[in-house]
PDB file of all heavy atoms in Angstrom:
ATOM      1  N   ARG A   1      53.872 -38.396   3.172  1.00  0.00           N
ATOM      2  CA  ARG A   1      54.693 -39.614   3.200  1.00  0.00           C
ATOM      3  C   ARG A   1      56.165 -39.230   3.188  1.00  0.00           C
ATOM      4  O   ARG A   1      56.630 -38.593   2.255  1.00  0.00           O
ATOM      5  CB  ARG A   1      54.357 -40.526   2.019  1.00  0.00           C
ATOM      6  CG  ARG A   1      55.174 -41.842   2.040  1.00  0.00           C
ATOM      7  CD  ARG A   1      54.736 -42.772   0.918  1.00  0.00           C
ATOM      8  NE  ARG A   1      53.354 -43.200   1.014  1.00  0.00           N
ATOM      9  CZ  ARG A   1      52.932 -44.461   0.784  1.00  0.00           C
ATOM     10  NH1 ARG A   1      53.809 -45.395   0.433  1.00  0.00           N
ATOM     11  NH2 ARG A   1      51.666 -44.772   0.898  1.00  0.00           N
ATOM     12  N   GLU A   2      56.869 -39.646   4.222  1.00  0.00           N
ATOM     13  CA  GLU A   2      58.320 -39.365   4.267  1.00  0.00           C
ATOM     14  C   GLU A   2      59.112 -40.488   3.564  1.00  0.00           C
ATOM     15  O   GLU A   2      60.135 -40.193   2.938  1.00  0.00           O
ATOM     16  CB  GLU A   2      58.746 -39.250   5.740  1.00  0.00           C
ATOM     17  CG  GLU A   2      57.998 -38.168   6.508  1.00  0.00           C
ATOM     18  CD  GLU A   2      58.276 -36.744   6.065  1.00  0.00           C
ATOM     19  OE1 GLU A   2      59.233 -36.559   5.313  1.00  0.00           O
ATOM     20  OE2 GLU A   2      57.546 -35.849   6.506  1.00  0.00           O
ATOM     21  N   GLN A   3      58.683 -41.727   3.775  1.00  0.00           N
ATOM     22  CA  GLN A   3      59.325 -42.829   3.072  1.00  0.00           C
ATOM     23  C   GLN A   3      58.403 -44.039   3.102  1.00  0.00           C
ATOM     24  O   GLN A   3      57.468 -44.120   3.896  1.00  0.00           O
ATOM     25  CB  GLN A   3      60.668 -43.192   3.704  1.00  0.00           C
ATOM     26  CG  GLN A   3      60.612 -43.756   5.115  1.00  0.00           C
ATOM     27  CD  GLN A   3      61.985 -44.098   5.662  1.00  0.00           C
ATOM     28  OE1 GLN A   3      62.934 -43.349   5.511  1.00  0.00           O
ATOM     29  NE2 GLN A   3      62.085 -45.240   6.315  1.00  0.00           N
ATOM     30  N   ASP A   4      58.654 -45.000   2.127  1.00  0.00           N
ATOM     31  CA  ASP A   4      57.786 -46.149   1.983  1.00  0.00           C
ATOM     32  C   ASP A   4      58.088 -47.243   3.007  1.00  0.00           C
ATOM     33  O   ASP A   4      57.150 -47.811   3.604  1.00  0.00           O
ATOM     34  CB  ASP A   4      57.963 -46.720   0.568  1.00  0.00           C
ATOM     35  CG  ASP A   4      57.410 -45.838  -0.508  1.00  0.00           C
ATOM     36  OD1 ASP A   4      56.438 -45.125  -0.220  1.00  0.00           O
ATOM     37  OD2 ASP A   4      57.930 -45.907  -1.632  1.00  0.00           O
ATOM     38  N   SER A   5      59.339 -47.593   3.193  1.00  0.00           N
ATOM     39  CA  SER A   5      59.695 -48.718   4.005  1.00  0.00           C
ATOM     40  C   SER A   5      60.985 -48.409   4.831  1.00  0.00           C
ATOM     41  O   SER A   5      62.049 -48.219   4.257  1.00  0.00           O
ATOM     42  CB  SER A   5      59.915 -49.963   3.137  1.00  0.00           C
ATOM     43  OG  SER A   5      60.217 -51.103   3.900  1.00  0.00           O
ATOM     44  N   PRO A   6      60.832 -48.415   6.163  1.00  0.00           N
ATOM     45  CA  PRO A   6      59.569 -48.506   6.875  1.00  0.00           C
ATOM     46  C   PRO A   6      58.765 -47.240   6.667  1.00  0.00           C
ATOM     47  O   PRO A   6      59.292 -46.146   6.519  1.00  0.00           O
ATOM     48  CB  PRO A   6      60.001 -48.677   8.333  1.00  0.00           C
ATOM     49  CG  PRO A   6      61.334 -48.000   8.401  1.00  0.00           C
ATOM     50  CD  PRO A   6      61.974 -48.292   7.078  1.00  0.00           C
ATOM     51  N   TYR A   7      57.448 -47.411   6.657  1.00  0.00           N
ATOM     52  CA  TYR A   7      56.560 -46.278   6.381  1.00  0.00           C
ATOM     53  C   TYR A   7      56.682 -45.231   7.440  1.00  0.00           C
ATOM     54  O   TYR A   7      56.569 -45.502   8.628  1.00  0.00           O
ATOM     55  CB  TYR A   7      55.120 -46.783   6.316  1.00  0.00           C
ATOM     56  CG  TYR A   7      54.060 -45.728   5.950  1.00  0.00           C
ATOM     57  CD1 TYR A   7      54.249 -44.890   4.871  1.00  0.00           C
ATOM     58  CD2 TYR A   7      52.914 -45.614   6.693  1.00  0.00           C
ATOM     59  CE1 TYR A   7      53.289 -43.965   4.513  1.00  0.00           C
ATOM     60  CE2 TYR A   7      51.935 -44.699   6.362  1.00  0.00           C
ATOM     61  CZ  TYR A   7      52.120 -43.877   5.289  1.00  0.00           C
ATOM     62  OH  TYR A   7      51.173 -42.913   4.930  1.00  0.00           O
ATOM     63  N   GLN A   8      56.963 -44.011   6.999  1.00  0.00           N
ATOM     64  CA  GLN A   8      57.043 -42.878   7.924  1.00  0.00           C
ATOM     65  C   GLN A   8      56.209 -41.724   7.358  1.00  0.00           C
ATOM     66  O   GLN A   8      56.281 -41.454   6.095  1.00  0.00           O
ATOM     67  CB  GLN A   8      58.463 -42.451   8.148  1.00  0.00           C
ATOM     68  CG  GLN A   8      59.330 -43.447   8.883  1.00  0.00           C
ATOM     69  CD  GLN A   8      60.757 -42.981   9.138  1.00  0.00           C
ATOM     70  OE1 GLN A   8      61.077 -41.828   8.825  1.00  0.00           O
ATOM     71  NE2 GLN A   8      61.569 -43.820   9.709  1.00  0.00           N
ATOM     72  N   TRP A   9      55.467 -41.068   8.186  1.00  0.00           N
ATOM     73  CA  TRP A   9      54.611 -39.961   7.711  1.00  0.00           C
ATOM     74  C   TRP A   9      54.579 -38.846   8.742  1.00  0.00           C
ATOM     75  O   TRP A   9      54.935 -39.008   9.898  1.00  0.00           O
ATOM     76  CB  TRP A   9      53.183 -40.459   7.488  1.00  0.00           C
ATOM     77  CG  TRP A   9      52.546 -41.169   8.649  1.00  0.00           C
ATOM     78  CD1 TRP A   9      52.673 -42.476   8.991  1.00  0.00           C
ATOM     79  CD2 TRP A   9      51.680 -40.576   9.621  1.00  0.00           C
ATOM     80  NE1 TRP A   9      51.954 -42.747  10.148  1.00  0.00           N
ATOM     81  CE2 TRP A   9      51.324 -41.618  10.508  1.00  0.00           C
ATOM     82  CE3 TRP A   9      51.156 -39.298   9.831  1.00  0.00           C
ATOM     83  CZ2 TRP A   9      50.461 -41.381  11.631  1.00  0.00           C
ATOM     84  CZ3 TRP A   9      50.313 -39.053  10.882  1.00  0.00           C
ATOM     85  CH2 TRP A   9      49.961 -40.108  11.794  1.00  0.00           C
ATOM     86  N   SER A  10      54.183 -37.678   8.253  1.00  0.00           N
ATOM     87  CA  SER A  10      54.092 -36.510   9.130  1.00  0.00           C
ATOM     88  C   SER A  10      52.833 -35.732   8.698  1.00  0.00           C
ATOM     89  O   SER A  10      52.149 -36.091   7.740  1.00  0.00           O
ATOM     90  CB  SER A  10      55.330 -35.584   8.983  1.00  0.00           C
ATOM     91  OG  SER A  10      55.481 -35.189   7.665  1.00  0.00           O
ATOM     92  N   ILE A  11      52.568 -34.661   9.444  1.00  0.00           N
ATOM     93  CA  ILE A  11      51.328 -33.858   9.165  1.00  0.00           C
ATOM     94  C   ILE A  11      51.759 -32.599   8.390  1.00  0.00           C
ATOM     95  O   ILE A  11      52.701 -31.897   8.772  1.00  0.00           O
ATOM     96  CB  ILE A  11      50.643 -33.438  10.449  1.00  0.00           C
ATOM     97  CG1 ILE A  11      50.097 -34.693  11.212  1.00  0.00           C
ATOM     98  CG2 ILE A  11      49.476 -32.489  10.170  1.00  0.00           C
ATOM     99  CD1 ILE A  11      48.996 -35.423  10.491  1.00  0.00           C
ATOM    100  N   GLY A  12      51.100 -32.353   7.294  1.00  0.00           N
ATOM    101  CA  GLY A  12      51.277 -31.113   6.528  1.00  0.00           C
ATOM    102  C   GLY A  12      49.966 -30.358   6.451  1.00  0.00           C
ATOM    103  O   GLY A  12      49.042 -30.615   7.224  1.00  0.00           O
ATOM    104  N   GLN A  13      49.876 -29.455   5.499  1.00  0.00           N
ATOM    105  CA  GLN A  13      48.639 -28.699   5.332  1.00  0.00           C
ATOM    106  C   GLN A  13      48.535 -28.191   3.898  1.00  0.00           C
ATOM    107  O   GLN A  13      49.537 -28.051   3.177  1.00  0.00           O
ATOM    108  CB  GLN A  13      48.537 -27.532   6.303  1.00  0.00           C
ATOM    109  CG  GLN A  13      49.639 -26.489   6.176  1.00  0.00           C
ATOM    110  CD  GLN A  13      49.423 -25.326   7.128  1.00  0.00           C
ATOM    111  OE1 GLN A  13      48.844 -24.303   6.731  1.00  0.00           O
ATOM    112  NE2 GLN A  13      49.900 -25.460   8.331  1.00  0.00           N
ATOM    113  N   VAL A  14      47.334 -27.924   3.483  1.00  0.00           N
ATOM    114  CA  VAL A  14      47.058 -27.390   2.145  1.00  0.00           C
ATOM    115  C   VAL A  14      45.891 -26.426   2.222  1.00  0.00           C
ATOM    116  O   VAL A  14      44.963 -26.603   3.019  1.00  0.00           O
ATOM    117  CB  VAL A  14      46.762 -28.563   1.189  1.00  0.00           C
ATOM    118  CG1 VAL A  14      45.459 -29.278   1.581  1.00  0.00           C
ATOM    119  CG2 VAL A  14      46.623 -28.056  -0.258  1.00  0.00           C
ATOM    120  N   PRO A  15      45.935 -25.317   1.481  1.00  0.00           N
ATOM    121  CA  PRO A  15      44.771 -24.380   1.452  1.00  0.00           C
ATOM    122  C   PRO A  15      43.509 -25.077   0.982  1.00  0.00           C
ATOM    123  O   PRO A  15      43.546 -25.883   0.017  1.00  0.00           O
ATOM    124  CB  PRO A  15      45.216 -23.266   0.461  1.00  0.00           C
ATOM    125  CG  PRO A  15      46.706 -23.392   0.438  1.00  0.00           C
ATOM    126  CD  PRO A  15      47.044 -24.796   0.617  1.00  0.00           C
ATOM    127  N   LEU A  16      42.407 -24.788   1.623  1.00  0.00           N
ATOM    128  CA  LEU A  16      41.155 -25.397   1.186  1.00  0.00           C
ATOM    129  C   LEU A  16      40.794 -25.038  -0.240  1.00  0.00           C
ATOM    130  O   LEU A  16      40.193 -25.841  -0.956  1.00  0.00           O
ATOM    131  CB  LEU A  16      40.014 -24.934   2.126  1.00  0.00           C
ATOM    132  CG  LEU A  16      40.026 -25.489   3.560  1.00  0.00           C
ATOM    133  CD1 LEU A  16      38.938 -24.819   4.394  1.00  0.00           C
ATOM    134  CD2 LEU A  16      39.817 -26.984   3.492  1.00  0.00           C
ATOM    135  N   ALA A  17      41.181 -23.871  -0.671  1.00  0.00           N
ATOM    136  CA  ALA A  17      40.863 -23.452  -2.059  1.00  0.00           C
ATOM    137  C   ALA A  17      41.553 -24.383  -3.072  1.00  0.00           C
ATOM    138  O   ALA A  17      41.020 -24.565  -4.194  1.00  0.00           O
ATOM    139  CB  ALA A  17      41.338 -22.015  -2.297  1.00  0.00           C
ATOM    140  N   ASP A  18      42.659 -25.007  -2.717  1.00  0.00           N
ATOM    141  CA  ASP A  18      43.361 -25.887  -3.640  1.00  0.00           C
ATOM    142  C   ASP A  18      42.734 -27.276  -3.695  1.00  0.00           C
ATOM    143  O   ASP A  18      42.759 -27.936  -4.758  1.00  0.00           O
ATOM    144  CB  ASP A  18      44.836 -26.005  -3.226  1.00  0.00           C
ATOM    145  CG  ASP A  18      45.621 -24.728  -3.422  1.00  0.00           C
ATOM    146  OD1 ASP A  18      45.111 -23.797  -4.088  1.00  0.00           O
ATOM    147  OD2 ASP A  18      46.749 -24.655  -2.900  1.00  0.00           O
ATOM    148  N   VAL A  19      42.173 -27.718  -2.588  1.00  0.00           N
ATOM    149  CA  VAL A  19      41.648 -29.118  -2.548  1.00  0.00           C
ATOM    150  C   VAL A  19      40.182 -29.187  -2.807  1.00  0.00           C
ATOM    151  O   VAL A  19      39.666 -30.263  -3.139  1.00  0.00           O
ATOM    152  CB  VAL A  19      42.011 -29.738  -1.173  1.00  0.00           C
ATOM    153  CG1 VAL A  19      41.142 -29.161  -0.066  1.00  0.00           C
ATOM    154  CG2 VAL A  19      41.894 -31.221  -1.229  1.00  0.00           C
ATOM    155  N   ALA A  20      39.486 -28.055  -2.700  1.00  0.00           N
ATOM    156  CA  ALA A  20      38.017 -28.076  -2.846  1.00  0.00           C
ATOM    157  C   ALA A  20      37.582 -28.575  -4.206  1.00  0.00           C
ATOM    158  O   ALA A  20      38.126 -28.171  -5.247  1.00  0.00           O
ATOM    159  CB  ALA A  20      37.483 -26.654  -2.634  1.00  0.00           C
ATOM    160  N   ASN A  21      36.620 -29.535  -4.200  1.00  0.00           N
ATOM    161  CA  ASN A  21      36.037 -30.095  -5.409  1.00  0.00           C
ATOM    162  C   ASN A  21      37.044 -30.792  -6.376  1.00  0.00           C
ATOM    163  O   ASN A  21      36.784 -30.930  -7.546  1.00  0.00           O
ATOM    164  CB  ASN A  21      35.288 -28.983  -6.183  1.00  0.00           C
ATOM    165  CG  ASN A  21      34.087 -28.494  -5.437  1.00  0.00           C
ATOM    166  OD1 ASN A  21      33.328 -29.233  -4.834  1.00  0.00           O
ATOM    167  ND2 ASN A  21      33.897 -27.162  -5.446  1.00  0.00           N
ATOM    168  N   GLN A  22      38.170 -31.172  -5.803  1.00  0.00           N
ATOM    169  CA  GLN A  22      39.192 -31.860  -6.620  1.00  0.00           C
ATOM    170  C   GLN A  22      39.124 -33.367  -6.374  1.00  0.00           C
ATOM    171  O   GLN A  22      38.721 -33.825  -5.311  1.00  0.00           O
ATOM    172  CB  GLN A  22      40.589 -31.326  -6.316  1.00  0.00           C
ATOM    173  CG  GLN A  22      40.766 -29.851  -6.561  1.00  0.00           C
ATOM    174  CD  GLN A  22      40.572 -29.463  -8.005  1.00  0.00           C
ATOM    175  OE1 GLN A  22      41.158 -30.088  -8.899  1.00  0.00           O
ATOM    176  NE2 GLN A  22      39.751 -28.457  -8.257  1.00  0.00           N
ATOM    177  N   GLU A  23      39.565 -34.158  -7.401  1.00  0.00           N
ATOM    178  CA  GLU A  23      39.603 -35.585  -7.260  1.00  0.00           C
ATOM    179  C   GLU A  23      40.959 -36.089  -7.754  1.00  0.00           C
ATOM    180  O   GLU A  23      41.529 -35.544  -8.725  1.00  0.00           O
ATOM    181  CB  GLU A  23      38.513 -36.258  -8.088  1.00  0.00           C
ATOM    182  CG  GLU A  23      37.125 -36.110  -7.481  1.00  0.00           C
ATOM    183  CD  GLU A  23      36.056 -36.881  -8.250  1.00  0.00           C
ATOM    184  OE1 GLU A  23      36.192 -36.950  -9.509  1.00  0.00           O
ATOM    185  OE2 GLU A  23      35.118 -37.403  -7.657  1.00  0.00           O
ATOM    186  N   LYS A  24      41.474 -37.111  -7.087  1.00  0.00           N
ATOM    187  CA  LYS A  24      42.769 -37.682  -7.423  1.00  0.00           C
ATOM    188  C   LYS A  24      42.545 -39.096  -7.936  1.00  0.00           C
ATOM    189  O   LYS A  24      42.213 -39.993  -7.225  1.00  0.00           O
ATOM    190  CB  LYS A  24      43.664 -37.725  -6.174  1.00  0.00           C
ATOM    191  CG  LYS A  24      45.028 -38.388  -6.375  1.00  0.00           C
ATOM    192  CD  LYS A  24      45.843 -38.417  -5.114  1.00  0.00           C
ATOM    193  CE  LYS A  24      45.238 -39.297  -4.037  1.00  0.00           C
ATOM    194  NZ  LYS A  24      46.043 -39.390  -2.788  1.00  0.00           N
ATOM    195  N   ALA A  25      42.756 -39.254  -9.242  1.00  0.00           N
ATOM    196  CA  ALA A  25      42.652 -40.578  -9.843  1.00  0.00           C
ATOM    197  C   ALA A  25      43.949 -41.319  -9.653  1.00  0.00           C
ATOM    198  O   ALA A  25      44.977 -40.766  -9.263  1.00  0.00           O
ATOM    199  CB  ALA A  25      42.299 -40.430 -11.317  1.00  0.00           C
ATOM    200  N   MET A  26      43.894 -42.636  -9.897  1.00  0.00           N
ATOM    201  CA  MET A  26      45.114 -43.409  -9.843  1.00  0.00           C
ATOM    202  C   MET A  26      46.079 -43.026 -10.953  1.00  0.00           C
ATOM    203  O   MET A  26      45.612 -42.884 -12.133  1.00  0.00           O
ATOM    204  CB  MET A  26      44.798 -44.918  -9.949  1.00  0.00           C
ATOM    205  CG  MET A  26      44.214 -45.510  -8.718  1.00  0.00           C
ATOM    206  SD  MET A  26      43.992 -47.301  -8.934  1.00  0.00           S
ATOM    207  CE  MET A  26      45.679 -47.842  -9.214  1.00  0.00           C
ATOM    208  N   PRO A  27      47.322 -42.831 -10.711  1.00  0.00           N
ATOM    209  CA  PRO A  27      48.272 -42.488 -11.775  1.00  0.00           C
ATOM    210  C   PRO A  27      48.463 -43.674 -12.709  1.00  0.00           C
ATOM    211  O   PRO A  27      48.408 -44.806 -12.296  1.00  0.00           O
ATOM    212  CB  PRO A  27      49.561 -42.130 -11.045  1.00  0.00           C
ATOM    213  CG  PRO A  27      49.443 -42.817  -9.719  1.00  0.00           C
ATOM    214  CD  PRO A  27      47.991 -42.877  -9.384  1.00  0.00           C
ATOM    215  N   PRO A  28      48.715 -43.432 -14.012  1.00  0.00           N
ATOM    216  CA  PRO A  28      48.896 -44.522 -14.970  1.00  0.00           C
ATOM    217  C   PRO A  28      49.951 -45.532 -14.568  1.00  0.00           C
ATOM    218  O   PRO A  28      49.822 -46.703 -14.851  1.00  0.00           O
ATOM    219  CB  PRO A  28      49.281 -43.794 -16.246  1.00  0.00           C
ATOM    220  CG  PRO A  28      48.716 -42.409 -16.083  1.00  0.00           C
ATOM    221  CD  PRO A  28      48.835 -42.106 -14.621  1.00  0.00           C
TER     222      PRO A  28
END
């Protein structure tokens, strides 16, 4: 996410080892 309004986004990348078996809960 580059910015909220107007919404702008781009493509990034992350190592599979970092994301494997991970879960992202809603922040408080």
